[in-house]
N, C-alpha and C. Protein backbone atom coordinates (compact mmCIF):
# COMPACT_ATOMS: atom_id res chain seq x y z
N UNK A 1 139.84 73.01 74.27
CA UNK A 1 141.01 72.79 75.08
C UNK A 1 141.72 71.49 74.67
N UNK A 2 140.94 70.44 74.38
CA UNK A 2 141.54 69.17 73.96
C UNK A 2 142.34 69.34 72.68
N UNK A 3 141.83 70.14 71.76
CA UNK A 3 142.52 70.35 70.49
C UNK A 3 143.88 71.01 70.71
N UNK A 4 143.95 71.94 71.64
CA UNK A 4 145.21 72.62 71.92
C UNK A 4 146.22 71.64 72.51
N UNK A 5 145.78 70.80 73.43
CA UNK A 5 146.68 69.82 74.05
C UNK A 5 147.17 68.82 73.01
N UNK A 6 146.27 68.33 72.18
CA UNK A 6 146.67 67.37 71.13
C UNK A 6 147.64 68.02 70.15
N UNK A 7 147.38 69.26 69.76
CA UNK A 7 148.27 69.96 68.83
C UNK A 7 149.65 70.17 69.46
N UNK A 8 149.68 70.50 70.75
CA UNK A 8 150.96 70.70 71.43
C UNK A 8 151.75 69.40 71.51
N UNK A 9 151.06 68.30 71.84
CA UNK A 9 151.74 67.00 71.90
C UNK A 9 152.26 66.59 70.53
N UNK A 10 151.48 66.79 69.50
CA UNK A 10 151.91 66.44 68.15
C UNK A 10 153.12 67.27 67.73
N UNK A 11 153.10 68.55 68.02
CA UNK A 11 154.24 69.41 67.69
C UNK A 11 155.49 68.98 68.44
N UNK A 12 155.33 68.56 69.69
CA UNK A 12 156.47 68.09 70.48
C UNK A 12 157.06 66.83 69.88
N UNK A 13 156.21 65.89 69.51
CA UNK A 13 156.69 64.63 68.93
C UNK A 13 157.37 64.86 67.59
N UNK A 14 156.80 65.71 66.76
CA UNK A 14 157.40 65.98 65.46
C UNK A 14 158.72 66.72 65.60
N UNK A 15 158.86 67.50 66.64
CA UNK A 15 160.09 68.26 66.86
C UNK A 15 161.23 67.41 67.38
N UNK A 16 160.99 66.15 67.68
CA UNK A 16 162.02 65.30 68.25
C UNK A 16 162.77 64.50 67.19
N UNK A 17 162.43 64.70 65.94
CA UNK A 17 163.15 64.02 64.86
C UNK A 17 164.13 65.03 64.26
N UNK A 18 165.39 64.64 64.22
CA UNK A 18 166.38 65.53 63.63
C UNK A 18 166.87 64.92 62.31
N UNK A 19 167.22 65.79 61.41
CA UNK A 19 167.72 65.37 60.10
C UNK A 19 169.15 65.86 59.93
N UNK A 20 169.95 65.05 59.29
CA UNK A 20 171.33 65.46 59.01
C UNK A 20 171.34 66.30 57.73
N UNK A 21 172.37 67.11 57.56
CA UNK A 21 172.49 67.86 56.30
C UNK A 21 172.66 66.88 55.13
N UNK A 22 172.13 67.28 53.99
CA UNK A 22 172.27 66.45 52.79
C UNK A 22 173.71 66.48 52.30
N UNK A 23 174.18 65.33 51.84
CA UNK A 23 175.52 65.21 51.28
C UNK A 23 175.41 64.51 49.93
N UNK A 24 176.39 64.74 49.09
CA UNK A 24 176.36 64.16 47.76
C UNK A 24 177.57 63.25 47.56
N UNK A 25 177.32 62.15 46.86
CA UNK A 25 178.37 61.15 46.65
C UNK A 25 178.14 60.49 45.29
N UNK A 26 179.21 60.26 44.57
CA UNK A 26 179.12 59.55 43.29
C UNK A 26 179.79 58.20 43.45
N UNK A 27 178.96 57.12 43.47
CA UNK A 27 179.53 55.77 43.61
C UNK A 27 180.48 55.45 42.46
N UNK A 28 181.47 54.60 42.73
CA UNK A 28 182.43 54.20 41.69
C UNK A 28 181.69 53.61 40.50
N UNK A 29 182.03 54.07 39.33
CA UNK A 29 181.43 53.57 38.10
C UNK A 29 180.09 54.19 37.74
N UNK A 30 179.55 55.04 38.62
CA UNK A 30 178.26 55.67 38.35
C UNK A 30 178.46 56.98 37.60
N UNK A 31 177.49 57.32 36.78
CA UNK A 31 177.58 58.58 36.04
C UNK A 31 177.06 59.76 36.84
N UNK A 32 176.10 59.49 37.73
CA UNK A 32 175.51 60.58 38.49
C UNK A 32 175.74 60.38 39.98
N UNK A 33 175.76 61.50 40.69
CA UNK A 33 175.90 61.44 42.13
C UNK A 33 174.55 61.18 42.78
N UNK A 34 174.59 60.72 44.02
CA UNK A 34 173.37 60.48 44.78
C UNK A 34 173.35 61.44 45.98
N UNK A 35 172.15 61.71 46.46
CA UNK A 35 171.95 62.56 47.62
C UNK A 35 171.74 61.67 48.83
N UNK A 36 172.58 61.83 49.85
CA UNK A 36 172.53 60.99 51.05
C UNK A 36 172.22 61.88 52.25
N UNK A 37 171.23 61.47 53.03
CA UNK A 37 170.97 62.15 54.30
C UNK A 37 170.28 61.18 55.24
N UNK A 38 170.11 61.60 56.48
CA UNK A 38 169.53 60.70 57.47
C UNK A 38 168.59 61.41 58.41
N UNK A 39 167.86 60.58 59.15
CA UNK A 39 166.94 61.06 60.18
C UNK A 39 167.18 60.26 61.46
N UNK A 40 166.96 60.93 62.58
CA UNK A 40 167.05 60.24 63.87
C UNK A 40 165.95 60.76 64.78
N UNK A 41 165.12 59.85 65.29
CA UNK A 41 164.03 60.20 66.19
C UNK A 41 164.53 60.02 67.62
N UNK A 42 164.55 61.11 68.37
CA UNK A 42 165.11 61.11 69.72
C UNK A 42 164.22 60.42 70.75
N UNK A 43 162.99 60.11 70.40
CA UNK A 43 162.10 59.40 71.31
C UNK A 43 162.15 57.89 71.07
N UNK A 44 161.99 57.49 69.81
CA UNK A 44 161.98 56.06 69.49
C UNK A 44 163.37 55.51 69.19
N UNK A 45 164.37 56.39 69.03
CA UNK A 45 165.74 56.03 68.65
C UNK A 45 165.79 55.37 67.27
N UNK A 46 164.80 55.67 66.43
CA UNK A 46 164.78 55.14 65.07
C UNK A 46 165.76 55.92 64.21
N UNK A 47 166.54 55.19 63.44
CA UNK A 47 167.56 55.76 62.56
C UNK A 47 167.23 55.38 61.12
N UNK A 48 167.23 56.36 60.25
CA UNK A 48 166.98 56.11 58.83
C UNK A 48 168.07 56.76 57.99
N UNK A 49 168.44 56.07 56.92
CA UNK A 49 169.32 56.63 55.90
C UNK A 49 168.52 56.68 54.61
N UNK A 50 168.56 57.84 53.96
CA UNK A 50 167.83 58.02 52.71
C UNK A 50 168.80 58.33 51.60
N UNK A 51 168.58 57.74 50.45
CA UNK A 51 169.35 58.03 49.25
C UNK A 51 168.36 58.45 48.18
N UNK A 52 168.57 59.64 47.65
CA UNK A 52 167.67 60.23 46.66
C UNK A 52 166.22 60.16 47.10
N UNK A 53 165.98 60.37 48.40
CA UNK A 53 164.63 60.40 48.94
C UNK A 53 164.04 59.05 49.29
N UNK A 54 164.75 57.96 49.01
CA UNK A 54 164.27 56.61 49.32
C UNK A 54 164.91 56.11 50.61
N UNK A 55 164.09 55.60 51.53
CA UNK A 55 164.62 55.04 52.77
C UNK A 55 165.30 53.72 52.43
N UNK A 56 166.61 53.64 52.65
CA UNK A 56 167.36 52.42 52.36
C UNK A 56 167.78 51.69 53.63
N UNK A 57 167.79 52.40 54.74
CA UNK A 57 168.08 51.79 56.04
C UNK A 57 167.07 52.34 57.03
N UNK A 58 166.47 51.43 57.78
CA UNK A 58 165.50 51.81 58.80
C UNK A 58 165.70 50.87 59.99
N UNK A 59 166.27 51.39 61.06
CA UNK A 59 166.56 50.54 62.22
C UNK A 59 166.46 51.33 63.50
N UNK A 60 166.57 50.64 64.60
CA UNK A 60 166.45 51.28 65.90
C UNK A 60 167.74 51.10 66.69
N UNK A 61 168.25 52.20 67.20
CA UNK A 61 169.42 52.16 68.06
C UNK A 61 169.01 51.75 69.47
N UNK A 62 169.95 51.27 70.23
CA UNK A 62 169.72 50.84 71.60
C UNK A 62 169.51 52.05 72.51
N UNK A 63 168.59 51.93 73.45
CA UNK A 63 168.38 52.99 74.44
C UNK A 63 169.54 53.07 75.43
N UNK A 64 170.45 52.11 75.38
CA UNK A 64 171.64 52.11 76.24
C UNK A 64 172.78 52.90 75.62
N UNK A 65 172.53 53.55 74.50
CA UNK A 65 173.54 54.33 73.78
C UNK A 65 174.68 53.46 73.26
N UNK A 66 174.39 52.21 72.96
CA UNK A 66 175.38 51.33 72.34
C UNK A 66 175.56 51.73 70.88
N UNK A 67 176.72 51.39 70.32
CA UNK A 67 176.94 51.62 68.89
C UNK A 67 175.98 50.75 68.10
N UNK A 68 175.68 51.19 66.87
CA UNK A 68 174.76 50.43 66.04
C UNK A 68 175.30 50.21 64.65
N UNK A 69 174.98 49.08 64.06
CA UNK A 69 175.38 48.77 62.69
C UNK A 69 174.12 48.36 61.93
N UNK A 70 173.89 49.01 60.80
CA UNK A 70 172.71 48.75 60.00
C UNK A 70 173.12 48.56 58.54
N UNK A 71 172.32 47.81 57.81
CA UNK A 71 172.62 47.63 56.39
C UNK A 71 171.33 47.62 55.59
N UNK A 72 171.48 47.96 54.32
CA UNK A 72 170.36 47.99 53.39
C UNK A 72 170.88 47.92 51.98
N UNK A 73 170.02 48.22 51.03
CA UNK A 73 170.40 48.14 49.62
C UNK A 73 169.77 49.28 48.84
N UNK A 74 170.51 49.80 47.88
CA UNK A 74 170.01 50.84 46.98
C UNK A 74 170.46 50.52 45.57
N UNK A 75 169.52 50.25 44.70
CA UNK A 75 169.79 49.95 43.29
C UNK A 75 170.92 48.93 43.13
N UNK A 76 170.83 47.85 43.88
CA UNK A 76 171.81 46.77 43.79
C UNK A 76 173.10 47.00 44.54
N UNK A 77 173.24 48.14 45.19
CA UNK A 77 174.45 48.45 45.95
C UNK A 77 174.18 48.24 47.43
N UNK A 78 175.17 47.72 48.15
CA UNK A 78 175.06 47.53 49.59
C UNK A 78 175.32 48.85 50.30
N UNK A 79 174.44 49.19 51.22
CA UNK A 79 174.58 50.42 52.00
C UNK A 79 174.68 50.03 53.47
N UNK A 80 175.67 50.57 54.17
CA UNK A 80 175.81 50.33 55.61
C UNK A 80 175.89 51.65 56.35
N UNK A 81 175.47 51.61 57.60
CA UNK A 81 175.55 52.77 58.47
C UNK A 81 176.06 52.31 59.83
N UNK A 82 177.20 52.83 60.23
CA UNK A 82 177.80 52.51 61.53
C UNK A 82 177.68 53.74 62.41
N UNK A 83 176.91 53.62 63.49
CA UNK A 83 176.60 54.76 64.34
C UNK A 83 177.30 54.65 65.69
N UNK A 84 177.80 55.80 66.15
CA UNK A 84 178.47 55.88 67.45
C UNK A 84 178.00 57.14 68.17
N UNK A 85 177.86 57.01 69.48
CA UNK A 85 177.48 58.13 70.33
C UNK A 85 178.72 58.82 70.89
N UNK A 86 178.62 60.12 71.08
CA UNK A 86 179.67 60.88 71.75
C UNK A 86 179.00 61.57 72.94
N UNK A 87 179.40 61.18 74.13
CA UNK A 87 178.88 61.74 75.38
C UNK A 87 177.36 61.59 75.51
N UNK A 88 176.80 60.56 74.91
CA UNK A 88 175.37 60.24 74.98
C UNK A 88 174.47 61.37 74.52
N UNK A 89 175.00 62.28 73.68
CA UNK A 89 174.14 63.34 73.17
C UNK A 89 174.35 63.61 71.68
N UNK A 90 175.52 63.33 71.17
CA UNK A 90 175.80 63.55 69.75
C UNK A 90 175.93 62.20 69.06
N UNK A 91 175.20 62.02 67.98
CA UNK A 91 175.23 60.77 67.23
C UNK A 91 175.87 61.02 65.87
N UNK A 92 176.84 60.18 65.52
CA UNK A 92 177.50 60.24 64.22
C UNK A 92 177.37 58.88 63.55
N UNK A 93 176.92 58.88 62.30
CA UNK A 93 176.77 57.64 61.54
C UNK A 93 177.58 57.74 60.26
N UNK A 94 178.47 56.77 60.05
CA UNK A 94 179.28 56.70 58.85
C UNK A 94 178.57 55.80 57.85
N UNK A 95 178.24 56.37 56.69
CA UNK A 95 177.50 55.64 55.67
C UNK A 95 178.45 55.24 54.55
N UNK A 96 178.41 53.95 54.21
CA UNK A 96 179.22 53.43 53.11
C UNK A 96 178.31 52.83 52.05
N UNK A 97 178.69 53.02 50.81
CA UNK A 97 178.00 52.40 49.68
C UNK A 97 179.01 51.50 49.00
N UNK A 98 178.70 50.20 48.95
CA UNK A 98 179.64 49.20 48.41
C UNK A 98 181.02 49.34 49.03
N UNK A 99 181.06 49.47 50.35
CA UNK A 99 182.29 49.57 51.15
C UNK A 99 183.12 50.82 50.87
N UNK A 100 182.55 51.82 50.20
CA UNK A 100 183.22 53.10 49.99
C UNK A 100 182.56 54.15 50.86
N UNK A 101 183.36 54.92 51.56
CA UNK A 101 182.82 55.99 52.42
C UNK A 101 181.99 56.96 51.59
N UNK A 102 180.71 57.14 51.95
CA UNK A 102 179.83 58.00 51.17
C UNK A 102 179.42 59.27 51.93
N UNK A 103 179.20 59.16 53.24
CA UNK A 103 178.72 60.32 53.99
C UNK A 103 178.95 60.12 55.49
N UNK A 104 179.07 61.23 56.19
CA UNK A 104 179.11 61.25 57.64
C UNK A 104 177.89 62.02 58.11
N UNK A 105 176.94 61.31 58.71
CA UNK A 105 175.72 61.93 59.16
C UNK A 105 175.85 62.28 60.64
N UNK A 106 175.47 63.50 60.99
CA UNK A 106 175.55 63.94 62.38
C UNK A 106 174.17 64.39 62.84
N UNK A 107 173.82 64.01 64.05
CA UNK A 107 172.53 64.36 64.62
C UNK A 107 172.72 64.96 66.01
């Protein structure tokens, strides 16, 4: 019985992380495009931005549903993510690479 309860709790926790669709962007001056996507954990409010599978931004949004601004770096380029809530249920994060719009992540 304990195993069933633990498995159910684990499945519930894992099901609370949502991922945005993958998007592709070619930074100015780059020869190849990069794959940009994000994750958002609805329990911890942790927000991650991944580029080519590497976590470049890892931060936590406010439980008060305040807007969030995060920054990181990928291969010498500055990456930012500006997140805003819509009706406290939909989260949109605008990702920029070197101040150029790269992706709009929705959760």
